[in-house]
Amino acid sequence: MHDMKMRELKVGDRVLVPCRIKEIHATEDYCNIMLESAAGRRPDGKKETISAINSAVTLKYNAEDAGKDGEQWRTLMMIDIADAFVLR
């Protein structure tokens, strides 16, 4: 298993999944969103859809966060991805 830069992944690694919000489903009690991956998967390049994730577990990319998570945020800035969320 490897990330989009072909770095090996293992259980317990923290990863960023660059995504754009495709849909927002908000109520008075919660807000769920549907995301589409910014990068295509291997081998066919099709983008992944992640649905019904609560917006409270996401982190919108902004310049103030750029220095907090090190290389991952700088990489996102270089490839011009607006939104991302962290999986633990």
N, C-alpha and C. Protein backbone atom coordinates (compact mmCIF):
# COMPACT_ATOMS: atom_id res chain seq x y z
N MET A 1 0.84 -1.18 0.00
CA MET A 1 0.00 0.00 0.00
C MET A 1 0.88 1.24 0.00
N HIS A 2 0.53 2.20 -0.88
CA HIS A 2 1.31 3.42 -1.00
C HIS A 2 0.40 4.63 -1.17
N ASP A 3 0.88 5.80 -0.77
CA ASP A 3 0.12 7.02 -0.96
C ASP A 3 0.31 7.54 -2.38
N MET A 4 -0.23 8.72 -2.69
CA MET A 4 -0.16 9.25 -4.05
C MET A 4 1.26 9.58 -4.49
N LYS A 5 2.18 9.69 -3.53
CA LYS A 5 3.59 9.93 -3.87
C LYS A 5 4.42 8.65 -3.77
N MET A 6 3.73 7.51 -3.70
CA MET A 6 4.35 6.18 -3.66
C MET A 6 5.14 5.93 -2.36
N ARG A 7 4.76 6.62 -1.28
CA ARG A 7 5.36 6.35 0.02
C ARG A 7 4.58 5.23 0.68
N GLU A 8 5.28 4.30 1.29
CA GLU A 8 4.64 3.15 1.92
C GLU A 8 3.75 3.58 3.07
N LEU A 9 2.59 2.92 3.19
CA LEU A 9 1.64 3.17 4.26
C LEU A 9 1.54 1.95 5.16
N LYS A 10 1.32 2.21 6.45
CA LYS A 10 1.10 1.11 7.38
C LYS A 10 0.01 1.50 8.36
N VAL A 11 -0.58 0.53 9.03
CA VAL A 11 -1.62 0.77 10.01
C VAL A 11 -1.09 1.72 11.08
N GLY A 12 -1.86 2.72 11.39
CA GLY A 12 -1.47 3.71 12.39
C GLY A 12 -0.92 5.00 11.82
N ASP A 13 -0.54 5.00 10.53
CA ASP A 13 -0.06 6.23 9.90
C ASP A 13 -1.19 7.25 9.84
N ARG A 14 -0.86 8.52 10.00
CA ARG A 14 -1.81 9.60 9.78
C ARG A 14 -1.68 10.04 8.34
N VAL A 15 -2.81 10.23 7.68
CA VAL A 15 -2.79 10.63 6.28
C VAL A 15 -3.73 11.80 6.05
N LEU A 16 -3.46 12.56 5.02
CA LEU A 16 -4.36 13.61 4.55
C LEU A 16 -4.99 13.13 3.25
N VAL A 17 -6.26 13.37 3.10
CA VAL A 17 -6.97 12.99 1.88
C VAL A 17 -7.47 14.28 1.23
N PRO A 18 -6.76 14.80 0.23
CA PRO A 18 -7.20 16.04 -0.42
C PRO A 18 -8.54 15.83 -1.11
N CYS A 19 -9.52 16.65 -0.74
CA CYS A 19 -10.88 16.51 -1.26
C CYS A 19 -11.51 17.88 -1.47
N ARG A 20 -12.56 17.85 -2.26
CA ARG A 20 -13.43 19.02 -2.42
C ARG A 20 -14.82 18.60 -1.97
N ILE A 21 -15.53 19.54 -1.36
CA ILE A 21 -16.91 19.27 -0.94
C ILE A 21 -17.80 19.26 -2.17
N LYS A 22 -18.55 18.17 -2.33
CA LYS A 22 -19.48 18.03 -3.46
C LYS A 22 -20.92 18.35 -3.05
N GLU A 23 -21.30 17.97 -1.83
CA GLU A 23 -22.66 18.21 -1.34
C GLU A 23 -22.61 18.51 0.15
N ILE A 24 -23.57 19.31 0.61
CA ILE A 24 -23.72 19.60 2.03
C ILE A 24 -25.15 19.27 2.42
N HIS A 25 -25.29 18.50 3.50
CA HIS A 25 -26.61 18.13 4.02
C HIS A 25 -26.65 18.56 5.49
N ALA A 26 -27.25 19.73 5.73
CA ALA A 26 -27.26 20.29 7.07
C ALA A 26 -28.66 20.26 7.68
N THR A 27 -28.69 19.99 8.98
CA THR A 27 -29.93 20.11 9.76
C THR A 27 -29.60 20.95 10.99
N GLU A 28 -30.56 21.10 11.85
CA GLU A 28 -30.32 21.86 13.08
C GLU A 28 -29.32 21.15 13.99
N ASP A 29 -29.26 19.82 13.93
CA ASP A 29 -28.43 19.04 14.85
C ASP A 29 -27.07 18.62 14.30
N TYR A 30 -26.92 18.54 12.99
CA TYR A 30 -25.67 18.06 12.41
C TYR A 30 -25.50 18.57 10.99
N CYS A 31 -24.31 18.37 10.45
CA CYS A 31 -24.04 18.72 9.06
C CYS A 31 -23.18 17.61 8.45
N ASN A 32 -23.73 16.87 7.52
CA ASN A 32 -22.97 15.85 6.81
C ASN A 32 -22.58 16.38 5.44
N ILE A 33 -21.43 15.95 4.96
CA ILE A 33 -20.97 16.39 3.65
C ILE A 33 -20.54 15.20 2.81
N MET A 34 -20.58 15.38 1.49
CA MET A 34 -20.05 14.39 0.56
C MET A 34 -18.78 15.00 -0.03
N LEU A 35 -17.73 14.21 -0.07
CA LEU A 35 -16.44 14.67 -0.58
C LEU A 35 -16.06 13.90 -1.82
N GLU A 36 -15.29 14.55 -2.69
CA GLU A 36 -14.70 13.87 -3.85
C GLU A 36 -13.19 14.08 -3.79
N SER A 37 -12.45 13.01 -3.95
CA SER A 37 -11.00 13.10 -3.88
C SER A 37 -10.47 14.00 -4.99
N ALA A 38 -9.44 14.77 -4.67
CA ALA A 38 -8.82 15.64 -5.67
C ALA A 38 -7.96 14.83 -6.63
N ALA A 39 -7.37 13.76 -6.14
CA ALA A 39 -6.53 12.90 -6.97
C ALA A 39 -7.31 11.67 -7.40
N GLY A 40 -6.98 11.17 -8.57
CA GLY A 40 -7.60 9.94 -9.05
C GLY A 40 -6.87 8.72 -8.50
N ARG A 41 -7.59 7.63 -8.40
CA ARG A 41 -7.01 6.39 -7.87
C ARG A 41 -6.19 5.68 -8.94
N ARG A 42 -5.37 4.72 -8.48
CA ARG A 42 -4.65 3.87 -9.42
C ARG A 42 -5.48 2.61 -9.65
N PRO A 43 -5.59 2.04 -10.80
CA PRO A 43 -4.89 2.39 -12.02
C PRO A 43 -5.70 3.24 -12.99
N ASP A 44 -7.01 3.45 -12.72
CA ASP A 44 -7.88 4.06 -13.73
C ASP A 44 -8.05 5.57 -13.63
N GLY A 45 -7.55 6.21 -12.56
CA GLY A 45 -7.65 7.65 -12.42
C GLY A 45 -9.00 8.17 -11.95
N LYS A 46 -9.95 7.24 -11.70
CA LYS A 46 -11.27 7.66 -11.25
C LYS A 46 -11.18 8.27 -9.85
N LYS A 47 -11.94 9.33 -9.61
CA LYS A 47 -11.95 9.97 -8.30
C LYS A 47 -12.87 9.21 -7.35
N GLU A 48 -12.49 9.19 -6.07
CA GLU A 48 -13.26 8.51 -5.04
C GLU A 48 -14.28 9.46 -4.44
N THR A 49 -15.42 8.94 -4.02
CA THR A 49 -16.44 9.71 -3.32
C THR A 49 -16.55 9.18 -1.90
N ILE A 50 -16.53 10.10 -0.96
CA ILE A 50 -16.68 9.76 0.45
C ILE A 50 -17.94 10.47 0.90
N SER A 51 -18.95 9.71 1.32
CA SER A 51 -20.21 10.36 1.64
C SER A 51 -20.59 10.19 3.10
N ALA A 52 -21.48 11.05 3.52
CA ALA A 52 -22.05 11.04 4.87
C ALA A 52 -20.98 11.12 5.95
N ILE A 53 -20.00 11.98 5.77
CA ILE A 53 -19.03 12.23 6.81
C ILE A 53 -19.46 13.51 7.52
N ASN A 54 -19.42 13.51 8.83
CA ASN A 54 -19.83 14.69 9.59
C ASN A 54 -18.80 15.79 9.42
N SER A 55 -19.26 16.99 9.12
CA SER A 55 -18.34 18.09 8.86
C SER A 55 -17.46 18.43 10.07
N ALA A 56 -17.88 18.06 11.27
CA ALA A 56 -17.11 18.36 12.47
C ALA A 56 -15.78 17.61 12.53
N VAL A 57 -15.62 16.56 11.73
CA VAL A 57 -14.35 15.82 11.73
C VAL A 57 -13.41 16.30 10.63
N THR A 58 -13.83 17.32 9.88
CA THR A 58 -13.00 17.85 8.80
C THR A 58 -12.23 19.08 9.27
N LEU A 59 -11.23 19.44 8.50
CA LEU A 59 -10.43 20.63 8.79
C LEU A 59 -10.23 21.36 7.48
N LYS A 60 -10.85 22.52 7.35
CA LYS A 60 -10.71 23.30 6.12
C LYS A 60 -9.30 23.86 6.05
N TYR A 61 -8.65 23.70 4.91
CA TYR A 61 -7.30 24.21 4.74
C TYR A 61 -7.32 25.73 4.74
N ASN A 62 -6.40 26.33 5.48
CA ASN A 62 -6.20 27.78 5.42
C ASN A 62 -4.75 28.08 5.77
N ALA A 63 -4.31 29.26 5.44
CA ALA A 63 -2.90 29.63 5.60
C ALA A 63 -2.44 29.54 7.05
N GLU A 64 -3.33 29.80 8.01
CA GLU A 64 -2.95 29.73 9.42
C GLU A 64 -2.54 28.33 9.83
N ASP A 65 -3.12 27.30 9.20
CA ASP A 65 -2.79 25.92 9.52
C ASP A 65 -1.53 25.43 8.83
N ALA A 66 -1.05 26.15 7.85
CA ALA A 66 0.04 25.68 6.99
C ALA A 66 1.27 25.24 7.76
N GLY A 67 1.62 25.93 8.83
CA GLY A 67 2.82 25.57 9.57
C GLY A 67 2.60 24.56 10.67
N LYS A 68 1.35 24.24 10.99
CA LYS A 68 1.06 23.38 12.14
C LYS A 68 1.27 21.90 11.89
N ASP A 69 0.99 21.43 10.70
CA ASP A 69 1.10 20.00 10.42
C ASP A 69 2.28 19.67 9.52
N GLY A 70 3.21 20.57 9.39
CA GLY A 70 4.44 20.29 8.69
C GLY A 70 4.28 20.05 7.20
N GLU A 71 5.03 19.08 6.71
CA GLU A 71 5.16 18.82 5.28
C GLU A 71 3.82 18.56 4.59
N GLN A 72 2.89 17.89 5.25
CA GLN A 72 1.62 17.57 4.60
C GLN A 72 0.90 18.83 4.14
N TRP A 73 0.86 19.86 4.99
CA TRP A 73 0.16 21.08 4.61
C TRP A 73 0.91 21.81 3.50
N ARG A 74 2.23 21.84 3.57
CA ARG A 74 2.99 22.50 2.50
C ARG A 74 2.75 21.80 1.18
N THR A 75 2.68 20.48 1.20
CA THR A 75 2.41 19.72 -0.02
C THR A 75 1.03 20.08 -0.57
N LEU A 76 0.03 20.16 0.29
CA LEU A 76 -1.31 20.53 -0.17
C LEU A 76 -1.31 21.92 -0.79
N MET A 77 -0.57 22.83 -0.19
CA MET A 77 -0.52 24.18 -0.73
C MET A 77 0.12 24.18 -2.12
N MET A 78 1.15 23.39 -2.31
CA MET A 78 1.84 23.36 -3.60
C MET A 78 0.95 22.81 -4.71
N ILE A 79 0.08 21.85 -4.39
CA ILE A 79 -0.76 21.29 -5.44
C ILE A 79 -2.13 21.97 -5.49
N ASP A 80 -2.29 23.06 -4.72
CA ASP A 80 -3.47 23.92 -4.79
C ASP A 80 -4.75 23.18 -4.46
N ILE A 81 -4.77 22.47 -3.36
CA ILE A 81 -5.97 21.80 -2.88
C ILE A 81 -6.59 22.68 -1.81
N ALA A 82 -7.87 23.01 -1.96
CA ALA A 82 -8.51 23.93 -1.03
C ALA A 82 -8.91 23.27 0.27
N ASP A 83 -9.45 22.05 0.22
CA ASP A 83 -9.97 21.41 1.42
C ASP A 83 -9.36 20.03 1.59
N ALA A 84 -9.18 19.65 2.85
CA ALA A 84 -8.64 18.33 3.17
C ALA A 84 -9.15 17.94 4.53
N PHE A 85 -9.12 16.65 4.80
CA PHE A 85 -9.43 16.23 6.16
C PHE A 85 -8.42 15.18 6.59
N VAL A 86 -8.28 15.05 7.88
CA VAL A 86 -7.29 14.17 8.46
C VAL A 86 -7.95 12.88 8.90
N LEU A 87 -7.39 11.75 8.50
CA LEU A 87 -7.83 10.44 9.01
C LEU A 87 -6.82 9.98 10.04
N ARG A 88 -7.29 9.44 11.10
CA ARG A 88 -6.37 8.93 12.14
C ARG A 88 -6.46 7.43 12.19
